[in-house]
PDB file of N, CA and C in Angstrom:
ATOM      1  N   UNK A   1      18.064 159.655 167.978  1.00  0.00           N
ATOM      2  CA  UNK A   1      19.509 159.229 168.536  1.00  0.00           C
ATOM      3  C   UNK A   1      20.042 158.624 167.613  1.00  0.00           C
ATOM      4  N   UNK A   2      21.246 159.295 166.665  1.00  0.00           N
ATOM      5  CA  UNK A   2      21.858 158.484 165.984  1.00  0.00           C
ATOM      6  C   UNK A   2      22.815 157.201 166.485  1.00  0.00           C
ATOM      7  N   UNK A   3      22.906 156.022 165.693  1.00  0.00           N
ATOM      8  CA  UNK A   3      23.606 154.983 166.183  1.00  0.00           C
ATOM      9  C   UNK A   3      25.090 155.177 166.268  1.00  0.00           C
ATOM     10  N   UNK A   4      25.935 154.311 167.101  1.00  0.00           N
ATOM     11  CA  UNK A   4      27.475 154.487 167.200  1.00  0.00           C
ATOM     12  C   UNK A   4      27.818 154.401 165.667  1.00  0.00           C
ATOM     13  N   UNK A   5      27.454 153.191 165.147  1.00  0.00           N
ATOM     14  CA  UNK A   5      28.234 152.970 163.954  1.00  0.00           C
ATOM     15  C   UNK A   5      27.813 154.055 162.831  1.00  0.00           C
ATOM     16  N   UNK A   6      26.926 154.849 162.834  1.00  0.00           N
ATOM     17  CA  UNK A   6      26.846 155.606 161.943  1.00  0.00           C
ATOM     18  C   UNK A   6      27.846 157.176 162.078  1.00  0.00           C
ATOM     19  N   UNK A   7      28.137 157.487 163.631  1.00  0.00           N
ATOM     20  CA  UNK A   7      28.658 158.460 164.151  1.00  0.00           C
ATOM     21  C   UNK A   7      30.380 158.060 163.777  1.00  0.00           C
ATOM     22  N   UNK A   8      30.773 156.829 163.875  1.00  0.00           N
ATOM     23  CA  UNK A   8      32.126 156.304 163.685  1.00  0.00           C
ATOM     24  C   UNK A   8      32.339 156.354 162.039  1.00  0.00           C
ATOM     25  N   UNK A   9      31.315 155.830 161.083  1.00  0.00           N
ATOM     26  CA  UNK A   9      31.662 156.034 159.992  1.00  0.00           C
ATOM     27  C   UNK A   9      31.644 157.427 159.441  1.00  0.00           C
ATOM     28  N   UNK A  10      30.782 158.309 160.009  1.00  0.00           N
ATOM     29  CA  UNK A  10      30.742 159.528 159.658  1.00  0.00           C
ATOM     30  C   UNK A  10      32.136 160.325 159.969  1.00  0.00           C
ATOM     31  N   UNK A  11      32.739 159.967 161.043  1.00  0.00           N
ATOM     32  CA  UNK A  11      34.207 160.527 161.620  1.00  0.00           C
ATOM     33  C   UNK A  11      35.095 160.470 160.819  1.00  0.00           C
ATOM     34  N   UNK A  12      35.216 158.936 160.465  1.00  0.00           N
ATOM     35  CA  UNK A  12      36.324 158.615 159.480  1.00  0.00           C
ATOM     36  C   UNK A  12      36.200 159.044 158.162  1.00  0.00           C
ATOM     37  N   UNK A  13      34.813 159.249 157.429  1.00  0.00           N
ATOM     38  CA  UNK A  13      34.783 159.802 156.347  1.00  0.00           C
ATOM     39  C   UNK A  13      35.177 161.143 156.450  1.00  0.00           C
ATOM     40  N   UNK A  14      34.937 161.904 157.540  1.00  0.00           N
ATOM     41  CA  UNK A  14      35.259 163.441 157.825  1.00  0.00           C
ATOM     42  C   UNK A  14      36.719 163.416 157.778  1.00  0.00           C
ATOM     43  N   UNK A  15      37.507 162.379 158.455  1.00  0.00           N
ATOM     44  CA  UNK A  15      38.803 162.416 158.448  1.00  0.00           C
ATOM     45  C   UNK A  15      39.452 162.462 157.295  1.00  0.00           C
ATOM     46  N   UNK A  16      39.137 161.368 156.555  1.00  0.00           N
ATOM     47  CA  UNK A  16      39.860 160.933 154.889  1.00  0.00           C
ATOM     48  C   UNK A  16      39.727 162.204 154.392  1.00  0.00           C
ATOM     49  N   UNK A  17      38.610 162.913 154.370  1.00  0.00           N
ATOM     50  CA  UNK A  17      38.044 164.205 153.500  1.00  0.00           C
ATOM     51  C   UNK A  17      39.201 165.094 153.859  1.00  0.00           C
ATOM     52  N   UNK A  18      39.518 165.357 154.973  1.00  0.00           N
ATOM     53  CA  UNK A  18      40.124 166.603 155.483  1.00  0.00           C
ATOM     54  C   UNK A  18      42.005 165.951 155.040  1.00  0.00           C
ATOM     55  N   UNK A  19      42.327 164.837 155.436  1.00  0.00           N
ATOM     56  CA  UNK A  19      43.565 164.433 154.799  1.00  0.00           C
ATOM     57  C   UNK A  19      43.837 164.737 153.284  1.00  0.00           C
ATOM     58  N   UNK A  20      42.802 164.122 152.669  1.00  0.00           N
ATOM     59  CA  UNK A  20      42.919 164.176 151.097  1.00  0.00           C
ATOM     60  C   UNK A  20      42.887 165.708 150.920  1.00  0.00           C
ATOM     61  N   UNK A  21      42.210 166.706 151.613  1.00  0.00           N
ATOM     62  CA  UNK A  21      42.277 168.024 151.256  1.00  0.00           C
ATOM     63  C   UNK A  21      43.456 168.561 151.522  1.00  0.00           C
ATOM     64  N   UNK A  22      44.069 168.071 152.648  1.00  0.00           N
ATOM     65  CA  UNK A  22      45.237 168.551 153.253  1.00  0.00           C
ATOM     66  C   UNK A  22      46.523 168.307 152.026  1.00  0.00           C
ATOM     67  N   UNK A  23      46.604 167.051 151.776  1.00  0.00           N
ATOM     68  CA  UNK A  23      47.583 166.935 150.931  1.00  0.00           C
ATOM     69  C   UNK A  23      47.458 167.355 149.222  1.00  0.00           C
ATOM     70  N   UNK A  24      46.290 167.562 148.792  1.00  0.00           N
ATOM     71  CA  UNK A  24      46.296 168.140 147.711  1.00  0.00           C
ATOM     72  C   UNK A  24      46.243 169.464 148.041  1.00  0.00           C
ATOM     73  N   UNK A  25      46.101 170.169 148.920  1.00  0.00           N
ATOM     74  CA  UNK A  25      46.491 171.783 149.186  1.00  0.00           C
ATOM     75  C   UNK A  25      48.127 171.882 149.029  1.00  0.00           C
ATOM     76  N   UNK A  26      48.762 171.014 149.775  1.00  0.00           N
ATOM     77  CA  UNK A  26      50.388 170.917 149.913  1.00  0.00           C
ATOM     78  C   UNK A  26      50.634 170.767 148.477  1.00  0.00           C
ATOM     79  N   UNK A  27      50.377 169.696 147.658  1.00  0.00           N
ATOM     80  CA  UNK A  27      50.954 169.472 146.497  1.00  0.00           C
ATOM     81  C   UNK A  27      50.804 170.268 145.706  1.00  0.00           C
ATOM     82  N   UNK A  28      49.562 171.109 145.608  1.00  0.00           N
ATOM     83  CA  UNK A  28      48.955 172.052 145.011  1.00  0.00           C
ATOM     84  C   UNK A  28      49.932 173.215 144.704  1.00  0.00           C
ATOM     85  N   UNK A  29      50.149 173.617 146.337  1.00  0.00           N
ATOM     86  CA  UNK A  29      51.083 174.806 146.566  1.00  0.00           C
ATOM     87  C   UNK A  29      52.583 174.486 145.933  1.00  0.00           C
ATOM     88  N   UNK A  30      53.059 173.266 146.055  1.00  0.00           N
ATOM     89  CA  UNK A  30      54.464 172.998 145.836  1.00  0.00           C
ATOM     90  C   UNK A  30      54.472 173.001 144.140  1.00  0.00           C
ATOM     91  N   UNK A  31      53.662 172.557 143.516  1.00  0.00           N
ATOM     92  CA  UNK A  31      53.393 172.608 142.172  1.00  0.00           C
ATOM     93  C   UNK A  31      53.341 174.146 141.732  1.00  0.00           C
ATOM     94  N   UNK A  32      52.453 175.086 142.343  1.00  0.00           N
ATOM     95  CA  UNK A  32      52.575 176.442 141.850  1.00  0.00           C
ATOM     96  C   UNK A  32      53.809 177.130 141.904  1.00  0.00           C
ATOM     97  N   UNK A  33      54.423 176.894 143.482  1.00  0.00           N
ATOM     98  CA  UNK A  33      55.756 177.719 143.474  1.00  0.00           C
ATOM     99  C   UNK A  33      57.003 177.263 142.722  1.00  0.00           C
ATOM    100  N   UNK A  34      56.925 175.808 142.084  1.00  0.00           N
ATOM    101  CA  UNK A  34      57.764 175.401 141.315  1.00  0.00           C
ATOM    102  C   UNK A  34      57.880 175.830 140.191  1.00  0.00           C
ATOM    103  N   UNK A  35      56.329 176.122 139.796  1.00  0.00           N
ATOM    104  CA  UNK A  35      56.175 176.496 138.264  1.00  0.00           C
ATOM    105  C   UNK A  35      56.624 177.765 138.353  1.00  0.00           C
ATOM    106  N   UNK A  36      56.175 178.767 139.172  1.00  0.00           N
ATOM    107  CA  UNK A  36      56.302 180.118 139.175  1.00  0.00           C
ATOM    108  C   UNK A  36      57.694 180.320 139.402  1.00  0.00           C
ATOM    109  N   UNK A  37      58.713 179.828 139.949  1.00  0.00           N
ATOM    110  CA  UNK A  37      60.151 179.636 140.041  1.00  0.00           C
ATOM    111  C   UNK A  37      60.754 179.253 138.691  1.00  0.00           C
ATOM    112  N   UNK A  38      60.179 178.316 138.011  1.00  0.00           N
ATOM    113  CA  UNK A  38      60.815 177.954 136.875  1.00  0.00           C
ATOM    114  C   UNK A  38      60.489 179.194 135.756  1.00  0.00           C
ATOM    115  N   UNK A  39      59.237 179.840 135.627  1.00  0.00           N
ATOM    116  CA  UNK A  39      59.086 180.697 134.898  1.00  0.00           C
ATOM    117  C   UNK A  39      59.934 181.830 135.020  1.00  0.00           C
ATOM    118  N   UNK A  40      59.989 182.125 136.450  1.00  0.00           N
ATOM    119  CA  UNK A  40      61.233 183.420 136.498  1.00  0.00           C
ATOM    120  C   UNK A  40      62.469 183.024 135.990  1.00  0.00           C
ATOM    121  N   UNK A  41      62.902 181.907 135.982  1.00  0.00           N
ATOM    122  CA  UNK A  41      64.285 181.466 135.622  1.00  0.00           C
ATOM    123  C   UNK A  41      64.323 181.309 134.363  1.00  0.00           C
ATOM    124  N   UNK A  42      63.223 181.150 133.428  1.00  0.00           N
ATOM    125  CA  UNK A  42      62.938 181.096 132.137  1.00  0.00           C
ATOM    126  C   UNK A  42      63.241 182.383 131.851  1.00  0.00           C
ATOM    127  N   UNK A  43      62.535 183.408 132.331  1.00  0.00           N
ATOM    128  CA  UNK A  43      62.332 184.961 131.849  1.00  0.00           C
ATOM    129  C   UNK A  43      63.852 185.444 132.052  1.00  0.00           C
ATOM    130  N   UNK A  44      64.407 185.110 133.049  1.00  0.00           N
ATOM    131  CA  UNK A  44      65.662 185.592 133.271  1.00  0.00           C
ATOM    132  C   UNK A  44      66.758 185.358 132.196  1.00  0.00           C
ATOM    133  N   UNK A  45      66.570 183.748 131.969  1.00  0.00           N
ATOM    134  CA  UNK A  45      67.865 183.339 130.820  1.00  0.00           C
ATOM    135  C   UNK A  45      67.217 184.051 129.406  1.00  0.00           C
ATOM    136  N   UNK A  46      66.104 184.538 129.176  1.00  0.00           N
ATOM    137  CA  UNK A  46      65.572 184.898 128.078  1.00  0.00           C
ATOM    138  C   UNK A  46      66.153 186.468 127.612  1.00  0.00           C
ATOM    139  N   UNK A  47      65.786 187.217 129.001  1.00  0.00           N
ATOM    140  CA  UNK A  47      66.045 188.722 128.626  1.00  0.00           C
ATOM    141  C   UNK A  47      67.165 189.179 129.348  1.00  0.00           C
ATOM    142  N   UNK A  48      67.986 188.263 130.457  1.00  0.00           N
ATOM    143  CA  UNK A  48      69.182 188.508 131.252  1.00  0.00           C
ATOM    144  C   UNK A  48      70.477 188.981 130.565  1.00  0.00           C
ATOM    145  N   UNK A  49      71.152 189.666 131.397  1.00  0.00           N
ATOM    146  CA  UNK A  49      72.566 190.085 131.102  1.00  0.00           C
ATOM    147  C   UNK A  49      73.461 189.288 131.634  1.00  0.00           C
ATOM    148  N   UNK A  50      74.230 188.394 131.070  1.00  0.00           N
ATOM    149  CA  UNK A  50      75.193 187.554 131.599  1.00  0.00           C
ATOM    150  C   UNK A  50      76.524 188.345 131.959  1.00  0.00           C
ATOM    151  N   UNK A  51      77.183 187.812 133.243  1.00  0.00           N
ATOM    152  CA  UNK A  51      78.227 188.293 133.819  1.00  0.00           C
ATOM    153  C   UNK A  51      79.208 187.265 134.423  1.00  0.00           C
ATOM    154  N   UNK A  52      79.610 188.181 135.581  1.00  0.00           N
ATOM    155  CA  UNK A  52      80.568 186.992 136.762  1.00  0.00           C
ATOM    156  C   UNK A  52      80.362 187.953 138.016  1.00  0.00           C
ATOM    157  N   UNK A  53      80.446 186.787 139.119  1.00  0.00           N
ATOM    158  CA  UNK A  53      80.711 187.337 140.378  1.00  0.00           C
ATOM    159  C   UNK A  53      81.475 186.510 141.321  1.00  0.00           C
ATOM    160  N   UNK A  54      82.366 187.297 141.648  1.00  0.00           N
ATOM    161  CA  UNK A  54      83.236 186.892 142.940  1.00  0.00           C
ATOM    162  C   UNK A  54      82.351 186.574 144.496  1.00  0.00           C
ATOM    163  N   UNK A  55      82.575 185.616 144.923  1.00  0.00           N
ATOM    164  CA  UNK A  55      82.182 184.993 146.338  1.00  0.00           C
ATOM    165  C   UNK A  55      82.836 185.834 147.172  1.00  0.00           C
ATOM    166  N   UNK A  56      82.389 186.849 147.986  1.00  0.00           N
ATOM    167  CA  UNK A  56      83.206 187.439 148.924  1.00  0.00           C
ATOM    168  C   UNK A  56      82.907 186.962 150.358  1.00  0.00           C
ATOM    169  N   UNK A  57      81.758 186.347 150.648  1.00  0.00           N
ATOM    170  CA  UNK A  57      81.423 185.869 151.871  1.00  0.00           C
ATOM    171  C   UNK A  57      80.169 184.740 151.534  1.00  0.00           C
ATOM    172  N   UNK A  58      80.351 183.578 152.452  1.00  0.00           N
ATOM    173  CA  UNK A  58      79.272 182.623 152.476  1.00  0.00           C
ATOM    174  C   UNK A  58      78.807 182.118 153.736  1.00  0.00           C
ATOM    175  N   UNK A  59      77.883 181.880 154.242  1.00  0.00           N
ATOM    176  CA  UNK A  59      77.085 181.472 155.566  1.00  0.00           C
ATOM    177  C   UNK A  59      76.212 180.409 155.293  1.00  0.00           C
ATOM    178  N   UNK A  60      76.259 179.534 156.291  1.00  0.00           N
ATOM    179  CA  UNK A  60      75.323 178.613 155.979  1.00  0.00           C
ATOM    180  C   UNK A  60      74.147 178.992 156.976  1.00  0.00           C
ATOM    181  N   UNK A  61      72.774 178.922 156.501  1.00  0.00           N
ATOM    182  CA  UNK A  61      71.565 179.566 157.167  1.00  0.00           C
ATOM    183  C   UNK A  61      71.113 178.579 158.251  1.00  0.00           C
ATOM    184  N   UNK A  62      71.551 177.160 158.014  1.00  0.00           N
ATOM    185  CA  UNK A  62      71.009 176.107 158.757  1.00  0.00           C
ATOM    186  C   UNK A  62      69.847 175.318 158.272  1.00  0.00           C
ATOM    187  N   UNK A  63      69.351 175.912 157.297  1.00  0.00           N
ATOM    188  CA  UNK A  63      68.261 175.215 156.762  1.00  0.00           C
ATOM    189  C   UNK A  63      68.670 174.303 155.910  1.00  0.00           C
ATOM    190  N   UNK A  64      68.060 173.262 155.457  1.00  0.00           N
ATOM    191  CA  UNK A  64      68.072 172.017 154.336  1.00  0.00           C
ATOM    192  C   UNK A  64      66.816 171.910 153.487  1.00  0.00           C
ATOM    193  N   UNK A  65      66.959 171.844 152.793  1.00  0.00           N
ATOM    194  CA  UNK A  65      65.989 171.517 151.652  1.00  0.00           C
ATOM    195  C   UNK A  65      66.439 170.172 150.795  1.00  0.00           C
ATOM    196  N   UNK A  66      65.466 169.105 150.891  1.00  0.00           N
ATOM    197  CA  UNK A  66      65.994 168.094 150.254  1.00  0.00           C
ATOM    198  C   UNK A  66      67.464 167.618 150.788  1.00  0.00           C
ATOM    199  N   UNK A  67      68.111 167.786 151.732  1.00  0.00           N
ATOM    200  CA  UNK A  67      69.469 167.697 152.119  1.00  0.00           C
ATOM    201  C   UNK A  67      70.178 168.261 151.544  1.00  0.00           C
ATOM    202  N   UNK A  68      70.036 169.485 150.802  1.00  0.00           N
ATOM    203  CA  UNK A  68      70.763 170.795 150.223  1.00  0.00           C
ATOM    204  C   UNK A  68      70.696 171.574 151.014  1.00  0.00           C
ATOM    205  N   UNK A  69      71.912 172.295 151.260  1.00  0.00           N
ATOM    206  CA  UNK A  69      71.876 173.433 152.141  1.00  0.00           C
ATOM    207  C   UNK A  69      71.373 174.856 151.655  1.00  0.00           C
ATOM    208  N   UNK A  70      70.557 175.595 152.469  1.00  0.00           N
ATOM    209  CA  UNK A  70      70.448 176.904 152.102  1.00  0.00           C
ATOM    210  C   UNK A  70      71.346 177.633 152.749  1.00  0.00           C
ATOM    211  N   UNK A  71      72.029 178.573 151.581  1.00  0.00           N
ATOM    212  CA  UNK A  71      73.076 179.390 152.188  1.00  0.00           C
ATOM    213  C   UNK A  71      72.870 180.807 151.934  1.00  0.00           C
ATOM    214  N   UNK A  72      73.474 181.748 152.567  1.00  0.00           N
ATOM    215  CA  UNK A  72      73.573 183.111 152.430  1.00  0.00           C
ATOM    216  C   UNK A  72      74.908 183.484 151.685  1.00  0.00           C
ATOM    217  N   UNK A  73      74.900 184.178 150.360  1.00  0.00           N
ATOM    218  CA  UNK A  73      76.274 184.416 150.010  1.00  0.00           C
ATOM    219  C   UNK A  73      76.156 185.927 149.689  1.00  0.00           C
ATOM    220  N   UNK A  74      77.484 186.735 149.666  1.00  0.00           N
ATOM    221  CA  UNK A  74      77.687 187.747 149.283  1.00  0.00           C
ATOM    222  C   UNK A  74      78.503 187.920 148.255  1.00  0.00           C
ATOM    223  N   UNK A  75      77.804 188.461 147.230  1.00  0.00           N
ATOM    224  CA  UNK A  75      78.561 188.520 145.741  1.00  0.00           C
ATOM    225  C   UNK A  75      79.005 189.769 145.326  1.00  0.00           C
ATOM    226  N   UNK A  76      80.193 189.828 144.761  1.00  0.00           N
ATOM    227  CA  UNK A  76      80.701 191.397 143.810  1.00  0.00           C
ATOM    228  C   UNK A  76      80.224 190.851 142.461  1.00  0.00           C
ATOM    229  N   UNK A  77      79.197 191.473 142.048  1.00  0.00           N
ATOM    230  CA  UNK A  77      78.787 191.326 140.460  1.00  0.00           C
ATOM    231  C   UNK A  77      79.271 192.169 139.342  1.00  0.00           C
ATOM    232  N   UNK A  78      79.745 191.678 138.247  1.00  0.00           N
ATOM    233  CA  UNK A  78      80.290 192.472 137.560  1.00  0.00           C
ATOM    234  C   UNK A  78      79.668 192.205 136.105  1.00  0.00           C
ATOM    235  N   UNK A  79      78.617 193.017 135.756  1.00  0.00           N
ATOM    236  CA  UNK A  79      77.963 192.881 134.482  1.00  0.00           C
ATOM    237  C   UNK A  79      78.491 193.740 133.439  1.00  0.00           C
ATOM    238  N   UNK A  80      78.862 193.376 132.079  1.00  0.00           N
ATOM    239  CA  UNK A  80      79.162 194.438 131.198  1.00  0.00           C
ATOM    240  C   UNK A  80      78.361 195.523 130.977  1.00  0.00           C
ATOM    241  N   UNK A  81      78.621 196.593 131.202  1.00  0.00           N
ATOM    242  CA  UNK A  81      77.890 197.759 131.044  1.00  0.00           C
ATOM    243  C   UNK A  81      77.175 198.586 132.044  1.00  0.00           C
ATOM    244  N   UNK A  82      77.454 197.775 133.264  1.00  0.00           N
ATOM    245  CA  UNK A  82      76.931 198.207 134.635  1.00  0.00           C
ATOM    246  C   UNK A  82      78.120 198.586 135.505  1.00  0.00           C
ATOM    247  N   UNK A  83      78.128 199.395 136.290  1.00  0.00           N
ATOM    248  CA  UNK A  83      78.941 199.401 137.586  1.00  0.00           C
ATOM    249  C   UNK A  83      78.710 198.259 138.339  1.00  0.00           C
ATOM    250  N   UNK A  84      80.204 198.045 138.915  1.00  0.00           N
ATOM    251  CA  UNK A  84      80.237 196.611 139.882  1.00  0.00           C
ATOM    252  C   UNK A  84      79.591 197.103 140.997  1.00  0.00           C
ATOM    253  N   UNK A  85      78.989 195.970 141.540  1.00  0.00           N
ATOM    254  CA  UNK A  85      78.000 195.997 142.904  1.00  0.00           C
ATOM    255  C   UNK A  85      78.082 194.825 143.513  1.00  0.00           C
ATOM    256  N   UNK A  86      77.858 195.050 145.207  1.00  0.00           N
ATOM    257  CA  UNK A  86      77.514 193.934 145.729  1.00  0.00           C
ATOM    258  C   UNK A  86      75.981 193.756 145.898  1.00  0.00           C
ATOM    259  N   UNK A  87      75.741 192.205 146.094  1.00  0.00           N
ATOM    260  CA  UNK A  87      74.552 191.861 146.705  1.00  0.00           C
ATOM    261  C   UNK A  87      74.514 190.733 147.535  1.00  0.00           C
ATOM    262  N   UNK A  88      73.645 190.448 148.640  1.00  0.00           N
ATOM    263  CA  UNK A  88      73.518 189.582 149.460  1.00  0.00           C
ATOM    264  C   UNK A  88      72.357 188.650 149.026  1.00  0.00           C
ATOM    265  N   UNK A  89      72.424 187.246 148.594  1.00  0.00           N
ATOM    266  CA  UNK A  89      71.455 186.499 148.263  1.00  0.00           C
ATOM    267  C   UNK A  89      71.573 185.045 148.835  1.00  0.00           C
ATOM    268  N   UNK A  90      70.238 184.792 149.301  1.00  0.00           N
ATOM    269  CA  UNK A  90      69.793 183.469 150.061  1.00  0.00           C
ATOM    270  C   UNK A  90      69.591 182.602 148.836  1.00  0.00           C
ATOM    271  N   UNK A  91      70.095 181.303 148.712  1.00  0.00           N
ATOM    272  CA  UNK A  91      69.911 180.307 148.123  1.00  0.00           C
ATOM    273  C   UNK A  91      70.082 178.945 148.405  1.00  0.00           C
ATOM    274  N   UNK A  92      69.376 177.905 147.708  1.00  0.00           N
ATOM    275  CA  UNK A  92      69.633 176.708 148.018  1.00  0.00           C
ATOM    276  C   UNK A  92      70.600 176.084 147.018  1.00  0.00           C
ATOM    277  N   UNK A  93      71.660 175.429 147.461  1.00  0.00           N
ATOM    278  CA  UNK A  93      72.803 174.810 146.641  1.00  0.00           C
ATOM    279  C   UNK A  93      72.560 173.534 146.501  1.00  0.00           C
ATOM    280  N   UNK A  94      72.610 172.786 145.044  1.00  0.00           N
ATOM    281  CA  UNK A  94      72.812 171.352 145.560  1.00  0.00           C
ATOM    282  C   UNK A  94      74.272 170.681 146.072  1.00  0.00           C
ATOM    283  N   UNK A  95      73.978 169.963 146.824  1.00  0.00           N
ATOM    284  CA  UNK A  95      75.172 169.415 147.627  1.00  0.00           C
ATOM    285  C   UNK A  95      76.710 169.241 146.510  1.00  0.00           C
ATOM    286  N   UNK A  96      76.285 168.572 145.539  1.00  0.00           N
ATOM    287  CA  UNK A  96      77.003 168.338 144.270  1.00  0.00           C
ATOM    288  C   UNK A  96      77.742 169.728 143.658  1.00  0.00           C
ATOM    289  N   UNK A  97      77.398 170.782 143.877  1.00  0.00           N
ATOM    290  CA  UNK A  97      77.673 172.049 143.534  1.00  0.00           C
ATOM    291  C   UNK A  97      78.267 172.935 144.408  1.00  0.00           C
ATOM    292  N   UNK A  98      78.397 172.752 145.669  1.00  0.00           N
ATOM    293  CA  UNK A  98      78.416 173.637 146.385  1.00  0.00           C
ATOM    294  C   UNK A  98      80.144 173.841 146.616  1.00  0.00           C
ATOM    295  N   UNK A  99      81.051 173.127 145.942  1.00  0.00           N
ATOM    296  CA  UNK A  99      82.450 173.257 145.826  1.00  0.00           C
ATOM    297  C   UNK A  99      82.545 174.494 144.952  1.00  0.00           C
ATOM    298  N   UNK A 100      81.833 174.911 144.037  1.00  0.00           N
ATOM    299  CA  UNK A 100      81.792 176.043 142.965  1.00  0.00           C
ATOM    300  C   UNK A 100      81.402 177.309 143.491  1.00  0.00           C
ATOM    301  N   UNK A 101      81.170 177.295 144.849  1.00  0.00           N
ATOM    302  CA  UNK A 101      80.599 178.416 145.671  1.00  0.00           C
ATOM    303  C   UNK A 101      81.195 178.720 146.994  1.00  0.00           C
ATOM    304  N   UNK A 102      82.640 178.894 146.569  1.00  0.00           N
ATOM    305  CA  UNK A 102      83.382 178.898 147.777  1.00  0.00           C
ATOM    306  C   UNK A 102      83.806 180.374 147.804  1.00  0.00           C
ATOM    307  N   UNK A 103      84.245 180.977 148.965  1.00  0.00           N
ATOM    308  CA  UNK A 103      84.929 182.230 149.035  1.00  0.00           C
ATOM    309  C   UNK A 103      85.996 182.632 148.443  1.00  0.00           C
ATOM    310  N   UNK A 104      86.012 183.550 147.379  1.00  0.00           N
ATOM    311  CA  UNK A 104      87.023 183.606 146.323  1.00  0.00           C
ATOM    312  C   UNK A 104      86.880 182.934 144.972  1.00  0.00           C
ATOM    313  N   UNK A 105      85.852 181.989 144.914  1.00  0.00           N
ATOM    314  CA  UNK A 105      85.777 181.681 143.813  1.00  0.00           C
ATOM    315  C   UNK A 105      84.981 182.607 142.847  1.00  0.00           C
ATOM    316  N   UNK A 106      84.991 182.503 141.281  1.00  0.00           N
ATOM    317  CA  UNK A 106      84.427 183.528 140.467  1.00  0.00           C
ATOM    318  C   UNK A 106      83.254 182.321 139.676  1.00  0.00           C
ATOM    319  N   UNK A 107      81.997 182.736 139.871  1.00  0.00           N
ATOM    320  CA  UNK A 107      80.952 181.924 139.058  1.00  0.00           C
ATOM    321  C   UNK A 107      80.098 183.089 138.220  1.00  0.00           C
ATOM    322  N   UNK A 108      79.589 182.071 137.166  1.00  0.00           N
ATOM    323  CA  UNK A 108      78.970 182.930 136.278  1.00  0.00           C
ATOM    324  C   UNK A 108      77.329 183.303 136.597  1.00  0.00           C
ATOM    325  N   UNK A 109      76.906 184.436 136.218  1.00  0.00           N
ATOM    326  CA  UNK A 109      75.565 184.945 136.832  1.00  0.00           C
ATOM    327  C   UNK A 109      74.738 185.371 135.777  1.00  0.00           C
ATOM    328  N   UNK A 110      73.281 185.653 135.807  1.00  0.00           N
ATOM    329  CA  UNK A 110      72.604 186.060 134.950  1.00  0.00           C
ATOM    330  C   UNK A 110      71.699 187.285 135.600  1.00  0.00           C
ATOM    331  N   UNK A 111      71.464 188.500 135.176  1.00  0.00           N
ATOM    332  CA  UNK A 111      71.089 189.480 135.899  1.00  0.00           C
ATOM    333  C   UNK A 111      69.848 189.985 135.104  1.00  0.00           C
ATOM    334  N   UNK A 112      68.949 190.264 135.590  1.00  0.00           N
ATOM    335  CA  UNK A 112      67.505 191.223 134.976  1.00  0.00           C
ATOM    336  C   UNK A 112      68.303 192.529 134.863  1.00  0.00           C
ATOM    337  N   UNK A 113      68.427 193.094 133.403  1.00  0.00           N
ATOM    338  CA  UNK A 113      68.771 194.404 133.043  1.00  0.00           C
ATOM    339  C   UNK A 113      68.155 195.315 133.518  1.00  0.00           C
ATOM    340  N   UNK A 114      66.605 195.233 134.023  1.00  0.00           N
ATOM    341  CA  UNK A 114      66.126 196.439 134.529  1.00  0.00           C
ATOM    342  C   UNK A 114      66.284 196.631 136.041  1.00  0.00           C
ATOM    343  N   UNK A 115      66.519 195.516 136.868  1.00  0.00           N
ATOM    344  CA  UNK A 115      66.972 195.453 138.323  1.00  0.00           C
ATOM    345  C   UNK A 115      68.181 194.645 138.543  1.00  0.00           C
ATOM    346  N   UNK A 116      69.418 195.051 137.964  1.00  0.00           N
ATOM    347  CA  UNK A 116      70.573 194.145 138.104  1.00  0.00           C
ATOM    348  C   UNK A 116      70.960 193.747 139.677  1.00  0.00           C
ATOM    349  N   UNK A 117      70.377 194.620 140.723  1.00  0.00           N
ATOM    350  CA  UNK A 117      71.108 194.566 141.786  1.00  0.00           C
ATOM    351  C   UNK A 117      69.898 193.966 142.818  1.00  0.00           C
ATOM    352  N   UNK A 118      68.627 193.585 142.165  1.00  0.00           N
ATOM    353  CA  UNK A 118      67.932 192.997 143.106  1.00  0.00           C
ATOM    354  C   UNK A 118      68.030 191.130 142.992  1.00  0.00           C
ATOM    355  N   UNK A 119      68.680 190.939 144.391  1.00  0.00           N
ATOM    356  CA  UNK A 119      68.845 189.522 144.920  1.00  0.00           C
ATOM    357  C   UNK A 119      67.947 188.307 144.325  1.00  0.00           C
ATOM    358  N   UNK A 120      66.515 188.885 143.907  1.00  0.00           N
ATOM    359  CA  UNK A 120      65.602 187.859 143.473  1.00  0.00           C
ATOM    360  C   UNK A 120      65.540 187.728 141.763  1.00  0.00           C
ATOM    361  N   UNK A 121      66.380 188.932 141.183  1.00  0.00           N
ATOM    362  CA  UNK A 121      66.596 188.897 139.605  1.00  0.00           C
ATOM    363  C   UNK A 121      67.896 188.286 139.247  1.00  0.00           C
ATOM    364  N   UNK A 122      68.622 187.698 140.214  1.00  0.00           N
ATOM    365  CA  UNK A 122      69.864 187.359 139.848  1.00  0.00           C
ATOM    366  C   UNK A 122      70.008 186.059 140.095  1.00  0.00           C
ATOM    367  N   UNK A 123      70.916 185.413 139.225  1.00  0.00           N
ATOM    368  CA  UNK A 123      70.706 183.725 139.318  1.00  0.00           C
ATOM    369  C   UNK A 123      72.393 183.285 138.743  1.00  0.00           C
ATOM    370  N   UNK A 124      72.439 182.450 139.717  1.00  0.00           N
ATOM    371  CA  UNK A 124      74.100 181.863 139.581  1.00  0.00           C
ATOM    372  C   UNK A 124      73.985 180.794 138.469  1.00  0.00           C
ATOM    373  N   UNK A 125      75.134 180.773 137.489  1.00  0.00           N
ATOM    374  CA  UNK A 125      75.086 179.886 136.471  1.00  0.00           C
ATOM    375  C   UNK A 125      76.039 178.744 136.938  1.00  0.00           C
ATOM    376  N   UNK A 126      75.781 177.667 137.307  1.00  0.00           N
ATOM    377  CA  UNK A 126      76.538 176.568 137.862  1.00  0.00           C
ATOM    378  C   UNK A 126      76.583 175.635 136.847  1.00  0.00           C
ATOM    379  N   UNK A 127      77.963 174.983 136.912  1.00  0.00           N
ATOM    380  CA  UNK A 127      77.976 174.009 135.637  1.00  0.00           C
ATOM    381  C   UNK A 127      77.593 172.649 136.022  1.00  0.00           C
TER     382      UNK A 127
END
């Protein structure tokens, strides 16, 4: 029969291993998604077509990421060489830039020329 001190030591070690593995998995996923998003943004800036968009609608989703609001925005996009179109996009806007994205305002955008109406392939160019 194992003694009590070895059971306690084993359970503490197992708990620490689980905690470390949880942190490693969490930070690994954060790093992966941040890197993936950064690569998408870099590709869009390299190959995208620049235009403008007028904010037609704005709604707070109630979600916050690092105290910045995630919003849903309805845009009327005007890319030279493409017909004007509308797109609904959800995104996190830094609080310091929220004044640039108000109903009626015009913002710069960058769109993927192969899928200009895809909200995942449309980026706002905020100063």
